[in-house]
């Protein structure tokens, strides 16, 4: 049997390049989904707080017959929804940027290993 002396090292490098290329795509996507997951859980809390405070103000508006409290109840509910949406959007972008930042050193290592293969 004749085999080249560095076949095992070459195979390992080829696998590193292959899995490195997959990781270049997976890190930003994974960061996006992780940010979406955390942001969604934060949004639930914001929306619940907005509706709870809005419900309190609506009760006060019914008891006092003051229209200002009724308007503030609607504003509080809308504010809770808006804060929830901004949480999700902000953490989506933050996760995506974090994934892209992790790609920079990985891309350097990937290129250096690929050059060693050639």
C-alpha atoms as a PDB file:
ATOM      1  CA  UNK A   1       0.000   0.000   0.000  1.00  0.00           C
ATOM      2  CA  UNK A   2       1.271   3.371  -0.905  1.00  0.00           C
ATOM      3  CA  UNK A   3      -0.144   6.410   0.773  1.00  0.00           C
ATOM      4  CA  UNK A   4       0.997   9.950   0.944  1.00  0.00           C
ATOM      5  CA  UNK A   5       2.652  10.894   4.226  1.00  0.00           C
ATOM      6  CA  UNK A   6       0.290  13.760   5.099  1.00  0.00           C
ATOM      7  CA  UNK A   7      -3.083  12.301   4.042  1.00  0.00           C
ATOM      8  CA  UNK A   8      -4.586  12.455   7.544  1.00  0.00           C
ATOM      9  CA  UNK A   9      -3.606  16.093   8.052  1.00  0.00           C
ATOM     10  CA  UNK A  10      -4.980  17.022   4.637  1.00  0.00           C
ATOM     11  CA  UNK A  11      -8.305  15.347   5.419  1.00  0.00           C
ATOM     12  CA  UNK A  12      -8.547  17.186   8.724  1.00  0.00           C
ATOM     13  CA  UNK A  13      -7.847  20.499   6.984  1.00  0.00           C
ATOM     14  CA  UNK A  14     -10.488  19.770   4.346  1.00  0.00           C
ATOM     15  CA  UNK A  15     -13.043  19.043   7.083  1.00  0.00           C
ATOM     16  CA  UNK A  16     -12.046  22.223   8.907  1.00  0.00           C
ATOM     17  CA  UNK A  17     -12.605  24.246   5.756  1.00  0.00           C
ATOM     18  CA  UNK A  18     -15.944  22.532   5.113  1.00  0.00           C
ATOM     19  CA  UNK A  19     -17.288  22.995   8.638  1.00  0.00           C
ATOM     20  CA  UNK A  20     -15.826  26.500   8.789  1.00  0.00           C
ATOM     21  CA  UNK A  21     -17.800  27.467   5.685  1.00  0.00           C
ATOM     22  CA  UNK A  22     -20.964  26.087   7.279  1.00  0.00           C
ATOM     23  CA  UNK A  23     -20.224  28.010  10.491  1.00  0.00           C
ATOM     24  CA  UNK A  24     -19.806  31.260   8.524  1.00  0.00           C
ATOM     25  CA  UNK A  25     -23.484  30.991   7.644  1.00  0.00           C
ATOM     26  CA  UNK A  26     -24.696  29.414  10.886  1.00  0.00           C
ATOM     27  CA  UNK A  27     -23.284  32.008  13.341  1.00  0.00           C
ATOM     28  CA  UNK A  28     -25.232  35.033  12.033  1.00  0.00           C
ATOM     29  CA  UNK A  29     -28.417  33.015  11.553  1.00  0.00           C
ATOM     30  CA  UNK A  30     -28.091  31.485  15.012  1.00  0.00           C
ATOM     31  CA  UNK A  31     -27.466  34.919  16.536  1.00  0.00           C
ATOM     32  CA  UNK A  32     -30.553  36.277  14.797  1.00  0.00           C
ATOM     33  CA  UNK A  33     -32.773  33.480  16.099  1.00  0.00           C
ATOM     34  CA  UNK A  34     -31.325  33.707  19.605  1.00  0.00           C
ATOM     35  CA  UNK A  35     -31.998  37.456  19.626  1.00  0.00           C
ATOM     36  CA  UNK A  36     -35.521  36.809  18.352  1.00  0.00           C
ATOM     37  CA  UNK A  37     -36.121  34.253  21.110  1.00  0.00           C
ATOM     38  CA  UNK A  38     -34.899  36.548  23.894  1.00  0.00           C
ATOM     39  CA  UNK A  39     -36.670  39.588  22.414  1.00  0.00           C
ATOM     40  CA  UNK A  40     -39.967  37.721  22.188  1.00  0.00           C
ATOM     41  CA  UNK A  41     -39.810  36.809  25.849  1.00  0.00           C
ATOM     42  CA  UNK A  42     -39.013  40.408  26.767  1.00  0.00           C
ATOM     43  CA  UNK A  43     -41.876  41.618  24.554  1.00  0.00           C
ATOM     44  CA  UNK A  44     -44.388  39.452  26.386  1.00  0.00           C
ATOM     45  CA  UNK A  45     -43.491  41.181  29.641  1.00  0.00           C
ATOM     46  CA  UNK A  46     -43.724  44.664  28.076  1.00  0.00           C
ATOM     47  CA  UNK A  47     -47.114  43.936  26.536  1.00  0.00           C
ATOM     48  CA  UNK A  48     -48.465  42.453  29.769  1.00  0.00           C
ATOM     49  CA  UNK A  49     -47.314  45.488  31.743  1.00  0.00           C
ATOM     50  CA  UNK A  50     -48.838  47.861  29.196  1.00  0.00           C
ATOM     51  CA  UNK A  51     -52.206  46.110  29.289  1.00  0.00           C
ATOM     52  CA  UNK A  52     -52.167  45.798  33.079  1.00  0.00           C
ATOM     53  CA  UNK A  53     -51.499  49.517  33.565  1.00  0.00           C
ATOM     54  CA  UNK A  54     -53.987  50.324  30.802  1.00  0.00           C
ATOM     55  CA  UNK A  55     -56.612  48.219  32.568  1.00  0.00           C
ATOM     56  CA  UNK A  56     -55.971  50.057  35.825  1.00  0.00           C
ATOM     57  CA  UNK A  57     -56.363  53.399  34.077  1.00  0.00           C
ATOM     58  CA  UNK A  58     -59.539  52.193  32.351  1.00  0.00           C
ATOM     59  CA  UNK A  59     -60.978  51.237  35.746  1.00  0.00           C
ATOM     60  CA  UNK A  60     -60.100  54.663  37.132  1.00  0.00           C
ATOM     61  CA  UNK A  61     -61.673  56.288  34.053  1.00  0.00           C
ATOM     62  CA  UNK A  62     -64.916  54.347  34.628  1.00  0.00           C
ATOM     63  CA  UNK A  63     -64.969  55.290  38.313  1.00  0.00           C
ATOM     64  CA  UNK A  64     -64.214  58.995  37.831  1.00  0.00           C
ATOM     65  CA  UNK A  65     -65.812  59.526  34.408  1.00  0.00           C
ATOM     66  CA  UNK A  66     -62.676  61.378  33.393  1.00  0.00           C
ATOM     67  CA  UNK A  67     -61.883  60.989  29.688  1.00  0.00           C
ATOM     68  CA  UNK A  68     -58.198  61.739  30.229  1.00  0.00           C
ATOM     69  CA  UNK A  69     -57.768  58.433  32.064  1.00  0.00           C
ATOM     70  CA  UNK A  70     -59.492  56.595  29.213  1.00  0.00           C
ATOM     71  CA  UNK A  71     -57.090  58.152  26.712  1.00  0.00           C
ATOM     72  CA  UNK A  72     -54.110  57.281  28.909  1.00  0.00           C
ATOM     73  CA  UNK A  73     -55.367  53.673  29.134  1.00  0.00           C
ATOM     74  CA  UNK A  74     -55.301  53.364  25.330  1.00  0.00           C
ATOM     75  CA  UNK A  75     -51.897  55.039  25.152  1.00  0.00           C
ATOM     76  CA  UNK A  76     -50.490  52.685  27.803  1.00  0.00           C
ATOM     77  CA  UNK A  77     -51.617  49.610  25.890  1.00  0.00           C
ATOM     78  CA  UNK A  78     -50.184  50.933  22.627  1.00  0.00           C
ATOM     79  CA  UNK A  79     -46.924  51.823  24.354  1.00  0.00           C
ATOM     80  CA  UNK A  80     -46.583  48.264  25.686  1.00  0.00           C
ATOM     81  CA  UNK A  81     -47.028  46.847  22.187  1.00  0.00           C
ATOM     82  CA  UNK A  82     -44.544  49.313  20.706  1.00  0.00           C
ATOM     83  CA  UNK A  83     -41.933  48.545  23.368  1.00  0.00           C
ATOM     84  CA  UNK A  84     -42.386  44.825  22.733  1.00  0.00           C
ATOM     85  CA  UNK A  85     -41.875  45.241  18.990  1.00  0.00           C
ATOM     86  CA  UNK A  86     -38.783  47.372  19.512  1.00  0.00           C
ATOM     87  CA  UNK A  87     -37.323  44.766  21.902  1.00  0.00           C
ATOM     88  CA  UNK A  88     -37.671  42.038  19.291  1.00  0.00           C
ATOM     89  CA  UNK A  89     -36.231  44.177  16.486  1.00  0.00           C
ATOM     90  CA  UNK A  90     -33.306  45.449  18.546  1.00  0.00           C
ATOM     91  CA  UNK A  91     -32.268  42.010  19.764  1.00  0.00           C
ATOM     92  CA  UNK A  92     -32.680  40.499  16.274  1.00  0.00           C
ATOM     93  CA  UNK A  93     -30.212  43.008  14.877  1.00  0.00           C
ATOM     94  CA  UNK A  94     -27.892  42.667  17.883  1.00  0.00           C
ATOM     95  CA  UNK A  95     -27.762  38.879  17.470  1.00  0.00           C
ATOM     96  CA  UNK A  96     -27.120  39.192  13.748  1.00  0.00           C
ATOM     97  CA  UNK A  97     -24.289  41.692  14.286  1.00  0.00           C
ATOM     98  CA  UNK A  98     -22.773  39.509  16.998  1.00  0.00           C
ATOM     99  CA  UNK A  99     -22.832  36.557  14.599  1.00  0.00           C
ATOM    100  CA  UNK A 100     -21.158  38.635  11.909  1.00  0.00           C
ATOM    101  CA  UNK A 101     -18.496  39.769  14.388  1.00  0.00           C
ATOM    102  CA  UNK A 102     -17.790  36.126  15.212  1.00  0.00           C
ATOM    103  CA  UNK A 103     -17.404  35.464  11.486  1.00  0.00           C
ATOM    104  CA  UNK A 104     -14.394  37.784  11.077  1.00  0.00           C
ATOM    105  CA  UNK A 105     -11.801  35.673  12.954  1.00  0.00           C
ATOM    106  CA  UNK A 106     -13.376  32.485  11.645  1.00  0.00           C
ATOM    107  CA  UNK A 107     -13.069  33.710   8.071  1.00  0.00           C
ATOM    108  CA  UNK A 108      -9.379  34.499   8.652  1.00  0.00           C
ATOM    109  CA  UNK A 109      -8.755  30.991   9.996  1.00  0.00           C
ATOM    110  CA  UNK A 110     -10.766  29.474   7.172  1.00  0.00           C
ATOM    111  CA  UNK A 111      -8.747  31.294   4.501  1.00  0.00           C
ATOM    112  CA  UNK A 112      -5.422  30.372   6.138  1.00  0.00           C
ATOM    113  CA  UNK A 113      -6.380  26.679   6.286  1.00  0.00           C
ATOM    114  CA  UNK A 114      -7.602  26.774   2.702  1.00  0.00           C
ATOM    115  CA  UNK A 115      -4.309  28.291   1.567  1.00  0.00           C
ATOM    116  CA  UNK A 116      -2.422  25.485   3.361  1.00  0.00           C
ATOM    117  CA  UNK A 117      -4.471  22.957   1.401  1.00  0.00           C
ATOM    118  CA  UNK A 118      -3.477  24.466  -1.942  1.00  0.00           C
END
